[in-house]
């Protein structure tokens, strides 16, 4: 079923990017040249900017 979906171009693409619109999941993808991704397919991840923000989030503090 998955192969048939790819052959028909019927498969979900859900690439990730950070808050600065930098691609995260497509960097090393071997199918990047033939991918049908669109701007609206991207999911923006809320990634802490530094170690202090990460530690604050892990300790249950506010999102930074």
N, C-alpha and C. Protein backbone atom coordinates (compact mmCIF):
# COMPACT_ATOMS: atom_id res chain seq x y z
N UNK A 1 0.82 -1.20 0.00
CA UNK A 1 0.00 0.00 0.00
C UNK A 1 0.87 1.26 0.00
N UNK A 2 1.95 1.23 0.80
CA UNK A 2 2.84 2.39 0.87
C UNK A 2 3.51 2.65 -0.48
N UNK A 3 3.98 1.60 -1.13
CA UNK A 3 4.64 1.75 -2.44
C UNK A 3 3.66 2.30 -3.46
N UNK A 4 2.44 1.78 -3.47
CA UNK A 4 1.42 2.28 -4.41
C UNK A 4 1.10 3.75 -4.14
N UNK A 5 1.07 4.13 -2.87
CA UNK A 5 0.85 5.53 -2.52
C UNK A 5 1.95 6.43 -3.04
N UNK A 6 3.18 5.99 -2.93
CA UNK A 6 4.31 6.78 -3.43
C UNK A 6 4.24 6.88 -4.95
N UNK A 7 3.93 5.79 -5.60
CA UNK A 7 3.84 5.80 -7.07
C UNK A 7 2.72 6.73 -7.55
N UNK A 8 1.65 6.84 -6.79
CA UNK A 8 0.54 7.73 -7.16
C UNK A 8 0.80 9.16 -6.68
N UNK A 9 1.83 9.36 -5.89
CA UNK A 9 2.09 10.68 -5.32
C UNK A 9 1.14 10.98 -4.17
N UNK A 10 0.58 9.94 -3.57
CA UNK A 10 -0.40 10.08 -2.51
C UNK A 10 0.22 9.63 -1.19
N UNK A 11 0.99 10.53 -0.57
CA UNK A 11 1.60 10.21 0.72
C UNK A 11 1.79 11.51 1.49
N UNK A 12 1.72 11.40 2.79
CA UNK A 12 1.82 12.57 3.64
C UNK A 12 3.29 12.98 3.81
N UNK A 13 3.54 14.26 3.60
CA UNK A 13 4.87 14.82 3.80
C UNK A 13 4.75 15.77 4.98
N UNK A 14 5.59 15.61 5.97
CA UNK A 14 5.51 16.43 7.17
C UNK A 14 6.90 16.89 7.59
N UNK A 15 7.57 17.70 6.76
CA UNK A 15 8.91 18.16 7.12
C UNK A 15 8.86 19.13 8.29
N UNK A 16 9.97 19.22 9.01
CA UNK A 16 10.07 20.09 10.19
C UNK A 16 11.02 21.25 9.90
N UNK A 17 10.74 22.38 10.58
CA UNK A 17 11.64 23.54 10.54
C UNK A 17 11.62 24.19 11.90
N UNK A 18 12.63 25.01 12.16
CA UNK A 18 12.67 25.72 13.44
C UNK A 18 11.99 27.08 13.29
N UNK A 19 12.00 27.87 14.37
CA UNK A 19 11.32 29.16 14.35
C UNK A 19 11.94 30.14 13.37
N UNK A 20 13.17 29.89 12.94
CA UNK A 20 13.85 30.77 11.98
C UNK A 20 13.66 30.28 10.55
N UNK A 21 12.71 29.36 10.34
CA UNK A 21 12.39 28.78 9.03
C UNK A 21 13.54 27.99 8.42
N UNK A 22 14.44 27.48 9.24
CA UNK A 22 15.52 26.63 8.75
C UNK A 22 15.02 25.19 8.71
N UNK A 23 15.21 24.54 7.56
CA UNK A 23 14.77 23.16 7.42
C UNK A 23 15.57 22.26 8.35
N UNK A 24 14.89 21.34 9.02
CA UNK A 24 15.55 20.41 9.92
C UNK A 24 15.53 18.99 9.35
N UNK A 25 14.42 18.57 8.82
CA UNK A 25 14.29 17.17 8.39
C UNK A 25 14.71 16.93 6.95
N UNK A 26 14.83 17.96 6.15
CA UNK A 26 15.15 17.77 4.73
C UNK A 26 16.65 17.86 4.44
N UNK A 27 17.43 18.24 5.41
CA UNK A 27 18.85 18.48 5.20
C UNK A 27 19.57 17.26 4.62
N UNK A 28 19.31 16.09 5.17
CA UNK A 28 20.03 14.89 4.75
C UNK A 28 19.14 13.92 3.96
N UNK A 29 17.96 14.34 3.58
CA UNK A 29 17.04 13.46 2.88
C UNK A 29 17.52 13.21 1.45
N UNK A 30 17.60 11.95 1.07
CA UNK A 30 18.07 11.62 -0.27
C UNK A 30 17.00 11.85 -1.34
N UNK A 31 15.77 12.14 -0.94
CA UNK A 31 14.68 12.37 -1.88
C UNK A 31 14.33 13.86 -2.00
N UNK A 32 15.14 14.74 -1.47
CA UNK A 32 14.86 16.17 -1.45
C UNK A 32 14.64 16.74 -2.85
N UNK A 33 15.37 16.27 -3.82
CA UNK A 33 15.25 16.79 -5.19
C UNK A 33 13.92 16.44 -5.86
N UNK A 34 13.31 15.34 -5.46
CA UNK A 34 12.08 14.91 -6.11
C UNK A 34 10.86 15.02 -5.19
N UNK A 35 11.04 15.67 -4.05
CA UNK A 35 9.98 15.77 -3.06
C UNK A 35 8.91 16.78 -3.51
N UNK A 36 7.68 16.48 -3.17
CA UNK A 36 6.56 17.35 -3.53
C UNK A 36 6.12 18.24 -2.38
N UNK A 37 7.03 18.52 -1.44
CA UNK A 37 6.64 19.31 -0.28
C UNK A 37 6.26 20.73 -0.68
N UNK A 38 5.31 21.27 0.07
CA UNK A 38 4.87 22.65 -0.13
C UNK A 38 5.06 23.40 1.17
N UNK A 39 4.99 24.70 1.12
CA UNK A 39 5.18 25.52 2.31
C UNK A 39 4.23 25.11 3.42
N UNK A 40 2.99 24.84 3.08
CA UNK A 40 1.99 24.50 4.10
C UNK A 40 2.19 23.10 4.70
N UNK A 41 3.07 22.28 4.12
CA UNK A 41 3.36 20.95 4.67
C UNK A 41 4.27 21.02 5.90
N UNK A 42 5.00 22.10 6.04
CA UNK A 42 6.00 22.21 7.11
C UNK A 42 5.35 22.36 8.48
N UNK A 43 5.97 21.73 9.47
CA UNK A 43 5.59 21.90 10.87
C UNK A 43 6.73 22.65 11.54
N UNK A 44 6.41 23.74 12.20
CA UNK A 44 7.42 24.54 12.89
C UNK A 44 7.54 24.05 14.33
N UNK A 45 8.75 23.66 14.71
CA UNK A 45 9.01 23.17 16.05
C UNK A 45 9.48 24.30 16.95
N UNK A 46 9.03 24.29 18.18
CA UNK A 46 9.44 25.28 19.17
C UNK A 46 10.68 24.74 19.87
N UNK A 47 11.84 25.11 19.39
CA UNK A 47 13.11 24.61 19.90
C UNK A 47 13.76 25.69 20.77
N UNK A 48 14.15 25.33 21.99
CA UNK A 48 14.81 26.32 22.85
C UNK A 48 16.07 26.88 22.19
N UNK A 49 16.26 28.18 22.37
CA UNK A 49 17.37 28.88 21.72
C UNK A 49 18.72 28.59 22.39
N UNK A 50 18.71 28.28 23.68
CA UNK A 50 19.97 28.05 24.39
C UNK A 50 19.77 27.03 25.50
N UNK A 51 20.84 26.67 26.17
CA UNK A 51 20.79 25.62 27.20
C UNK A 51 19.94 26.06 28.39
N UNK A 52 19.97 27.34 28.74
CA UNK A 52 19.18 27.82 29.87
C UNK A 52 17.68 27.69 29.59
N UNK A 53 17.27 28.02 28.37
CA UNK A 53 15.86 27.88 27.99
C UNK A 53 15.45 26.41 27.97
N UNK A 54 16.35 25.55 27.53
CA UNK A 54 16.06 24.11 27.52
C UNK A 54 15.90 23.58 28.93
N UNK A 55 16.82 23.94 29.84
CA UNK A 55 16.73 23.49 31.22
C UNK A 55 15.47 24.02 31.89
N UNK A 56 15.11 25.25 31.62
CA UNK A 56 13.89 25.84 32.18
C UNK A 56 12.66 25.06 31.72
N UNK A 57 12.62 24.70 30.46
CA UNK A 57 11.50 23.93 29.93
C UNK A 57 11.44 22.53 30.55
N UNK A 58 12.58 21.90 30.68
CA UNK A 58 12.62 20.56 31.26
C UNK A 58 12.21 20.56 32.73
N UNK A 59 12.46 21.67 33.42
CA UNK A 59 12.09 21.77 34.83
C UNK A 59 10.65 22.23 35.01
N UNK A 60 9.94 22.43 33.90
CA UNK A 60 8.53 22.81 33.98
C UNK A 60 8.26 24.28 34.00
N UNK A 61 9.27 25.08 33.67
CA UNK A 61 9.09 26.52 33.64
C UNK A 61 8.35 26.96 32.38
N UNK A 62 8.29 28.25 32.17
CA UNK A 62 7.63 28.79 30.99
C UNK A 62 8.43 28.47 29.75
N UNK A 63 7.73 28.43 28.61
CA UNK A 63 8.42 28.23 27.33
C UNK A 63 9.22 29.47 27.00
N UNK A 64 10.44 29.25 26.53
CA UNK A 64 11.29 30.39 26.14
C UNK A 64 11.47 30.41 24.65
